[in-house]
N, C-alpha and C. Protein backbone atom coordinates (compact mmCIF):
# COMPACT_ATOMS: atom_id res chain seq x y z
N MET A 1 18.05 46.23 -3.47
CA MET A 1 18.60 45.22 -4.35
C MET A 1 17.72 43.97 -4.28
N GLU A 2 17.37 43.46 -5.43
CA GLU A 2 16.55 42.26 -5.51
C GLU A 2 17.38 41.02 -5.18
N PRO A 3 16.79 40.08 -4.45
CA PRO A 3 17.52 38.83 -4.18
C PRO A 3 17.67 38.03 -5.48
N PRO A 4 18.73 37.24 -5.58
CA PRO A 4 18.93 36.45 -6.80
C PRO A 4 17.85 35.38 -6.96
N VAL A 5 17.48 35.14 -8.20
CA VAL A 5 16.50 34.11 -8.53
C VAL A 5 17.20 33.08 -9.40
N VAL A 6 17.06 31.82 -9.04
CA VAL A 6 17.64 30.72 -9.81
C VAL A 6 16.49 29.92 -10.40
N THR A 7 16.52 29.73 -11.71
CA THR A 7 15.53 28.89 -12.37
C THR A 7 16.09 27.48 -12.46
N VAL A 8 15.37 26.53 -11.88
CA VAL A 8 15.79 25.13 -11.90
C VAL A 8 15.10 24.46 -13.08
N ARG A 9 15.90 23.81 -13.90
CA ARG A 9 15.36 23.12 -15.08
C ARG A 9 15.73 21.65 -15.03
N ALA A 10 14.82 20.82 -15.56
CA ALA A 10 15.06 19.39 -15.69
C ALA A 10 16.09 19.18 -16.79
N PRO A 11 16.73 18.02 -16.86
CA PRO A 11 17.71 17.76 -17.91
C PRO A 11 17.16 17.96 -19.33
N ASP A 12 15.87 17.80 -19.52
CA ASP A 12 15.30 18.00 -20.86
C ASP A 12 14.97 19.47 -21.14
N GLY A 13 15.26 20.37 -20.18
CA GLY A 13 15.03 21.80 -20.37
C GLY A 13 13.72 22.32 -19.81
N THR A 14 12.87 21.44 -19.31
CA THR A 14 11.61 21.86 -18.73
C THR A 14 11.84 22.65 -17.45
N ARG A 15 11.18 23.80 -17.32
CA ARG A 15 11.30 24.62 -16.12
C ARG A 15 10.58 23.93 -14.97
N LEU A 16 11.31 23.70 -13.87
CA LEU A 16 10.72 23.08 -12.69
C LEU A 16 10.25 24.12 -11.68
N ALA A 17 11.11 25.11 -11.40
CA ALA A 17 10.77 26.11 -10.38
C ALA A 17 11.76 27.26 -10.43
N ASP A 18 11.36 28.37 -9.81
CA ASP A 18 12.26 29.49 -9.53
C ASP A 18 12.51 29.48 -8.03
N VAL A 19 13.77 29.59 -7.63
CA VAL A 19 14.13 29.58 -6.22
C VAL A 19 14.76 30.92 -5.87
N THR A 20 14.26 31.55 -4.80
CA THR A 20 14.77 32.82 -4.29
C THR A 20 15.03 32.65 -2.81
N VAL A 21 16.12 33.19 -2.31
CA VAL A 21 16.42 33.12 -0.88
C VAL A 21 16.35 34.53 -0.32
N GLU A 22 15.50 34.70 0.68
CA GLU A 22 15.38 35.97 1.40
C GLU A 22 15.40 35.67 2.89
N GLY A 23 16.24 36.36 3.61
CA GLY A 23 16.31 36.16 5.05
C GLY A 23 16.78 34.77 5.44
N GLY A 24 17.54 34.11 4.56
CA GLY A 24 18.05 32.79 4.86
C GLY A 24 17.10 31.65 4.58
N HIS A 25 15.92 31.94 4.04
CA HIS A 25 14.94 30.90 3.74
C HIS A 25 14.59 30.92 2.25
N ALA A 26 14.50 29.74 1.67
CA ALA A 26 14.20 29.63 0.25
C ALA A 26 12.71 29.79 0.00
N ARG A 27 12.40 30.51 -1.07
CA ARG A 27 11.01 30.61 -1.54
C ARG A 27 10.99 29.94 -2.91
N ILE A 28 10.11 28.97 -3.07
CA ILE A 28 10.03 28.19 -4.30
C ILE A 28 8.72 28.49 -5.00
N ASP A 29 8.81 28.81 -6.28
CA ASP A 29 7.63 29.12 -7.07
C ASP A 29 7.62 28.21 -8.30
N PRO A 30 6.68 27.35 -8.46
CA PRO A 30 5.50 27.08 -7.67
C PRO A 30 5.85 26.24 -6.43
N PRO A 31 5.14 26.46 -5.32
CA PRO A 31 5.45 25.78 -4.06
C PRO A 31 5.41 24.26 -4.13
N ASP A 32 4.54 23.68 -4.96
CA ASP A 32 4.45 22.22 -5.00
C ASP A 32 5.66 21.59 -5.69
N ALA A 33 6.54 22.38 -6.31
CA ALA A 33 7.76 21.85 -6.91
C ALA A 33 8.82 21.55 -5.87
N ALA A 34 8.60 21.96 -4.62
CA ALA A 34 9.58 21.75 -3.56
C ALA A 34 9.84 20.27 -3.29
N SER A 35 8.91 19.41 -3.67
CA SER A 35 9.10 17.99 -3.43
C SER A 35 10.01 17.33 -4.47
N HIS A 36 10.32 18.03 -5.55
CA HIS A 36 11.21 17.47 -6.57
C HIS A 36 12.64 17.46 -6.01
N PRO A 37 13.38 16.35 -6.14
CA PRO A 37 14.71 16.26 -5.52
C PRO A 37 15.70 17.31 -6.03
N LEU A 38 15.65 17.66 -7.30
CA LEU A 38 16.57 18.66 -7.84
C LEU A 38 16.27 20.04 -7.28
N VAL A 39 15.01 20.39 -7.19
CA VAL A 39 14.61 21.69 -6.63
C VAL A 39 14.99 21.76 -5.16
N ALA A 40 14.75 20.68 -4.43
CA ALA A 40 15.10 20.65 -3.00
C ALA A 40 16.60 20.81 -2.80
N ALA A 41 17.40 20.18 -3.66
CA ALA A 41 18.85 20.28 -3.54
C ALA A 41 19.33 21.71 -3.81
N VAL A 42 18.79 22.33 -4.84
CA VAL A 42 19.18 23.71 -5.17
C VAL A 42 18.77 24.66 -4.05
N ALA A 43 17.55 24.51 -3.56
CA ALA A 43 17.07 25.38 -2.48
C ALA A 43 17.91 25.21 -1.22
N GLY A 44 18.25 23.98 -0.89
CA GLY A 44 19.09 23.72 0.29
C GLY A 44 20.47 24.34 0.16
N GLN A 45 21.07 24.22 -1.01
CA GLN A 45 22.40 24.80 -1.24
C GLN A 45 22.33 26.33 -1.16
N MET A 46 21.29 26.90 -1.74
CA MET A 46 21.15 28.36 -1.69
C MET A 46 20.97 28.85 -0.26
N GLU A 47 20.19 28.12 0.55
CA GLU A 47 20.01 28.52 1.95
C GLU A 47 21.33 28.44 2.71
N ARG A 48 22.11 27.39 2.48
CA ARG A 48 23.39 27.23 3.18
C ARG A 48 24.38 28.33 2.81
N THR A 49 24.41 28.72 1.55
CA THR A 49 25.40 29.71 1.12
C THR A 49 24.92 31.15 1.30
N ALA A 50 23.64 31.36 1.54
CA ALA A 50 23.10 32.72 1.67
C ALA A 50 23.65 33.42 2.90
N THR A 51 23.95 32.69 3.95
CA THR A 51 24.41 33.30 5.20
C THR A 51 25.92 33.34 5.31
N ARG A 52 26.61 32.75 4.35
CA ARG A 52 28.06 32.73 4.38
C ARG A 52 28.62 34.08 3.95
N PRO A 53 29.58 34.63 4.69
CA PRO A 53 30.14 35.92 4.27
C PRO A 53 30.90 35.78 2.95
N ARG A 54 30.73 36.75 2.10
CA ARG A 54 31.41 36.74 0.80
C ARG A 54 32.76 37.44 0.94
N PRO A 55 33.79 36.91 0.29
CA PRO A 55 35.10 37.57 0.37
C PRO A 55 35.06 38.94 -0.31
N ARG A 56 35.81 39.85 0.25
CA ARG A 56 35.88 41.19 -0.33
C ARG A 56 36.88 41.18 -1.49
N PRO A 57 36.60 41.93 -2.53
CA PRO A 57 37.56 41.99 -3.63
C PRO A 57 38.88 42.63 -3.17
N SER A 58 39.95 42.21 -3.78
CA SER A 58 41.26 42.70 -3.36
C SER A 58 41.81 43.78 -4.28
N CYS A 59 40.94 44.50 -4.95
CA CYS A 59 41.44 45.52 -5.88
C CYS A 59 41.56 46.88 -5.29
């Protein structure tokens, strides 16, 4: 199964970066976009939630 990829876009729609989390660490493409505050926030949130157990469906 492929890890989820999130595309981060600026408010004007410009693509800033793609963020993927594997093994609890974010990979940002392109790497120099990591200094952008929005990309850093998304990557940080993805890292924090990647290790959290997901609830099982109740069906």
